[in-house]
Every structure is written in C-alpha cells, then in structure tokens.
Amino acid sequence: MQRFAILLPLLLLGCTTTVNDRLDKDDPEGEVTITPDELEPMANFILGTRRVVAAEFVRLELSRQFFEEQMGYTRDPEYVSRSPVQIQEDGSRLIVLKNINTDQETNLDPDKLPRIYFGSHGLEIRAYREIRIYLRNPKKKERPLFLNLAAKNSVGDAKMWVSGRLQHKKRIITLNSALIWSEEKEEYVHRQSIG
C-alpha cells in the first residue's frame, strides 16, 4: 500500500517523469526520462522511511524537480520566520527558516521549531536555530535528482531517529540520496549514504 501511495503521482503522469529544460545544453532535447522503477528506491528512502533529524543548523540542498513538490513546511509565524525566496546567481532558490522563539531556551517544544517534511511518513528535519534550503536546478543528465543534507550543532550532538529509535548522535550528520546514470545497467540507480 505504501509503495502505491508513493508512486501514485508517477502513475498519473503516464508511468514516467521527466526532468527537462535545465539540463546540459549539449543535449538538444534537454530531457531525461525516469521510470517509476528507477525512482522507487529514492522515493522509499526519502518519502517512505521515517527519519527525524534534529540539529541547531541544517543545510539542505536538493533538486527542485521531484523534491519541491514533495516537501512541506510546518511553522507558526509567532515562533518561526521564513525568508522570501532569494534567487541565486545560478538560478537556484534559497529559503531560510529561523527559530525566533525567545520564550524557551531549553526544553524546546518541537512543534515550535522550523520544520520540513517529505511525505507523511518520510524524512523530517527540525532545527533549533536555522534551516537553509537550496532548491537547485539539475545541470547534468548523469545526476538529475538529488538531496544532500548536513545537520550540525555548535555544541553537543545532532541526532537522527529512524522509526522512533535514536540511530545517530554526533556533531555533524549527513544524508545523501541521488539518482545516478549507470552505463553498465543503462538505467538510473539510487545511491544513498548516511554519515
């Protein structure tokens, strides 16, 4: 059932998704076609596995295609400010979420923190101070979809829970996910890492 919920948007698009008009200029068509079977491992890793990352500062860099439509924000304007979208020189977009809650210095209510989530059961990111989100335009057909996360604390440890259990506790936690073109298999394969 969960697989169907993740892939339903792709099925409605006619069984393929495309990333276009922002790729290599060498390709006259400028389009990449990704099948649901190629996308499924990435979708499961980001949207289908419950991970919660909490740190003081989070930097999130991801492809606008696929991830922008899957990403949600939860914030109360009384406690969290969201910057206007800033367009970078390379055409990517930057959004900054900051914690402006001055009522609590310790034992912060997680619902009052800057928060981003992917899907209803996927990756969730919370920051005690700030989340910087870079929505990038893919440049190469070899890596059209990606998500790179770096969460760190200036003092103490960042933390990652997987399905409710603490799995990582260290000063900097990274999570990377990308679709990479495999010449050997002649298809896109998912590469992931957590460090």
Protein backbone atom coordinates (compact mmCIF):
# COMPACT_ATOMS: atom_id res chain seq x y z
CA MET A 1 0.00 0.00 0.00
CA GLN A 2 2.81 2.41 0.92
CA ARG A 3 4.59 1.76 -2.41
CA PHE A 4 1.38 2.56 -4.27
CA ALA A 5 0.94 5.85 -2.35
CA ILE A 6 4.48 6.93 -3.21
CA LEU A 7 4.24 6.02 -6.89
CA LEU A 8 0.65 7.17 -7.50
CA PRO A 9 1.71 10.64 -8.75
CA LEU A 10 4.01 8.97 -11.28
CA LEU A 11 1.33 6.59 -12.45
CA LEU A 12 -0.95 9.53 -13.08
CA LEU A 13 1.79 11.12 -15.21
CA GLY A 14 1.81 8.18 -17.60
CA CYS A 15 4.42 5.94 -15.90
CA THR A 16 7.39 8.25 -16.46
CA THR A 17 8.58 11.51 -15.07
CA THR A 18 10.80 13.94 -16.91
CA VAL A 19 13.37 16.45 -15.84
CA ASN A 20 13.75 18.99 -18.59
CA ASP A 21 14.84 22.43 -19.75
CA ARG A 22 17.55 22.78 -17.09
CA LEU A 23 20.00 20.09 -18.17
CA ASP A 24 23.12 20.06 -20.31
CA LYS A 25 22.94 22.31 -23.34
CA ASP A 26 24.80 19.51 -25.21
CA ASP A 27 21.57 17.53 -25.35
CA PRO A 28 19.33 19.14 -27.98
CA GLU A 29 16.20 17.80 -26.33
CA GLY A 30 17.34 18.66 -22.79
CA GLU A 31 15.14 15.98 -21.27
CA VAL A 32 15.63 12.97 -19.02
CA THR A 33 13.04 10.25 -18.61
CA ILE A 34 12.94 8.39 -15.30
CA THR A 35 10.72 5.34 -14.89
CA PRO A 36 8.80 4.56 -11.68
CA ASP A 37 11.06 1.50 -11.12
CA GLU A 38 14.13 3.76 -11.26
CA LEU A 39 12.55 6.35 -8.95
CA GLU A 40 11.11 3.90 -6.41
CA PRO A 41 14.30 3.33 -4.31
CA MET A 42 14.83 7.09 -3.91
CA ALA A 43 11.16 7.66 -3.13
CA ASN A 44 11.26 4.92 -0.47
CA PHE A 45 14.48 6.28 1.04
CA ILE A 46 13.19 9.87 1.36
CA LEU A 47 9.38 9.55 1.41
CA GLY A 48 8.79 6.05 2.76
CA THR A 49 11.22 5.68 5.66
CA ARG A 50 10.51 7.62 8.84
CA ARG A 51 13.67 9.54 9.76
CA VAL A 52 13.75 12.59 12.02
CA VAL A 53 16.86 14.77 12.07
CA ALA A 54 17.27 17.46 14.74
CA ALA A 55 20.17 19.90 14.97
CA GLU A 56 20.94 23.56 15.57
CA PHE A 57 21.76 24.30 11.94
CA VAL A 58 20.65 22.40 8.85
CA ARG A 59 21.72 22.90 5.25
CA LEU A 60 19.54 21.15 2.69
CA GLU A 61 20.47 21.12 -0.99
CA LEU A 62 18.12 19.34 -3.37
CA SER A 63 16.89 19.22 -6.93
CA ARG A 64 13.75 21.27 -7.47
CA GLN A 65 12.37 18.57 -9.71
CA PHE A 66 10.58 15.88 -7.71
CA PHE A 67 11.57 17.19 -4.24
CA GLU A 68 9.98 20.65 -4.34
CA GLU A 69 6.53 19.13 -4.84
CA GLN A 70 7.15 16.51 -2.11
CA MET A 71 8.40 18.97 0.52
CA GLY A 72 6.19 20.57 3.14
CA TYR A 73 6.81 23.25 5.78
CA THR A 74 5.24 23.48 9.19
CA ARG A 75 5.75 26.69 11.06
CA ASP A 76 3.96 29.07 13.37
CA PRO A 77 4.84 32.67 12.36
CA GLU A 78 4.98 33.55 16.07
CA TYR A 79 7.95 31.18 16.52
CA VAL A 80 9.50 30.68 13.07
CA SER A 81 10.34 33.22 10.36
CA ARG A 82 10.56 32.27 6.69
CA SER A 83 12.59 34.44 4.34
CA PRO A 84 11.26 35.44 0.95
CA VAL A 85 12.63 33.23 -1.82
CA GLN A 86 16.09 34.50 -2.81
CA ILE A 87 17.17 33.75 -6.39
CA GLN A 88 20.87 32.81 -6.57
CA GLU A 89 23.24 33.59 -9.46
CA ASP A 90 22.93 30.05 -10.81
CA GLY A 91 19.12 30.28 -10.83
CA SER A 92 18.60 28.16 -7.73
CA ARG A 93 16.33 29.33 -4.93
CA LEU A 94 17.24 29.85 -1.28
CA ILE A 95 14.72 29.76 1.56
CA VAL A 96 15.75 30.29 5.18
CA LEU A 97 13.65 29.20 8.17
CA LYS A 98 14.77 30.66 11.53
CA ASN A 99 13.68 30.00 15.06
CA ILE A 100 12.56 33.32 16.57
CA ASN A 101 11.03 31.83 19.74
CA THR A 102 12.61 33.69 22.66
CA ASP A 103 10.30 32.21 25.31
CA GLN A 104 12.20 28.94 25.71
CA GLU A 105 15.96 28.49 25.90
CA THR A 106 15.82 24.82 26.95
CA ASN A 107 13.30 22.00 26.53
CA LEU A 108 12.07 23.49 23.28
CA ASP A 109 8.70 22.37 22.01
CA PRO A 110 9.48 20.53 18.73
CA ASP A 111 6.24 21.80 17.21
CA LYS A 112 7.53 25.37 17.53
CA LEU A 113 10.79 24.70 15.66
CA PRO A 114 11.49 25.29 11.97
CA ARG A 115 10.43 22.02 10.34
CA ILE A 116 10.45 20.46 6.88
CA TYR A 117 8.97 17.10 5.97
CA PHE A 118 8.81 14.85 2.92
CA GLY A 119 5.64 12.81 2.57
CA SER A 120 3.54 11.80 5.54
CA HIS A 121 5.93 9.02 6.64
CA GLY A 122 9.29 10.17 5.28
CA LEU A 123 12.22 12.36 6.19
CA GLU A 124 11.53 15.14 8.70
CA ILE A 125 14.02 17.87 9.58
CA ARG A 126 13.88 20.12 12.64
CA ALA A 127 16.28 22.91 13.52
CA TYR A 128 16.77 24.58 16.88
CA ARG A 129 18.10 27.68 15.11
CA GLU A 130 18.04 27.66 11.29
CA ILE A 131 17.34 25.63 8.15
CA ARG A 132 18.81 26.82 4.84
CA ILE A 133 17.12 25.21 1.83
CA TYR A 134 18.77 25.41 -1.60
CA LEU A 135 16.44 24.33 -4.41
CA ARG A 136 18.86 23.61 -7.26
CA ASN A 137 18.30 23.15 -10.96
CA PRO A 138 19.95 19.93 -12.14
CA LYS A 139 22.80 20.51 -14.59
CA LYS A 140 23.79 17.02 -15.65
CA LYS A 141 21.81 14.11 -17.03
CA GLU A 142 24.11 11.77 -15.08
CA ARG A 143 22.62 13.02 -11.76
CA PRO A 144 19.22 14.62 -12.37
CA LEU A 145 17.67 14.12 -8.90
CA PHE A 146 19.47 14.55 -5.58
CA LEU A 147 19.11 15.52 -1.92
CA ASN A 148 22.08 16.43 0.31
CA LEU A 149 21.56 17.16 4.00
CA ALA A 150 24.10 18.39 6.56
CA ALA A 151 22.87 18.88 10.13
CA LYS A 152 25.24 20.17 12.81
CA ASN A 153 25.43 21.56 16.29
CA SER A 154 27.91 24.14 17.52
CA VAL A 155 27.83 22.47 20.95
CA GLY A 156 26.61 18.94 21.60
CA ASP A 157 25.36 16.47 19.05
CA ALA A 158 22.92 16.48 16.17
CA LYS A 159 20.56 13.48 16.28
CA MET A 160 18.76 11.20 13.85
CA TRP A 161 15.95 8.86 14.76
CA VAL A 162 14.83 6.09 12.41
CA SER A 163 11.33 4.71 13.03
CA GLY A 164 11.37 6.24 16.52
CA ARG A 165 14.78 4.89 17.60
CA LEU A 166 17.88 7.03 18.02
CA GLN A 167 20.35 5.82 15.34
CA HIS A 168 22.93 8.61 15.04
CA LYS A 169 24.23 11.09 17.58
CA LYS A 170 27.22 13.20 16.58
CA ARG A 171 28.24 16.78 15.90
CA ILE A 172 27.53 16.60 12.15
CA ILE A 173 25.11 14.21 10.47
CA THR A 174 24.93 13.92 6.69
CA LEU A 175 22.35 12.22 4.50
CA ASN A 176 22.71 11.96 0.72
CA SER A 177 20.42 10.50 -1.91
CA ALA A 178 20.79 10.71 -5.69
CA LEU A 179 19.74 9.06 -8.93
CA ILE A 180 22.89 8.33 -10.93
CA TRP A 181 23.09 7.10 -14.52
CA SER A 182 24.65 3.63 -14.72
CA GLU A 183 26.38 2.94 -18.02
CA GLU A 184 26.61 -0.72 -17.09
CA LYS A 185 22.89 -1.14 -16.41
CA GLU A 186 21.79 1.57 -18.86
CA GLU A 187 19.36 2.99 -16.31
CA TYR A 188 19.25 5.27 -13.29
CA VAL A 189 20.27 3.72 -9.97
CA HIS A 190 19.84 5.10 -6.49
CA ARG A 191 22.89 5.91 -4.37
CA GLN A 192 22.45 6.77 -0.70
CA SER A 193 24.61 7.42 2.31
CA ILE A 194 24.19 8.43 5.94
CA GLY A 195 27.21 9.61 7.90
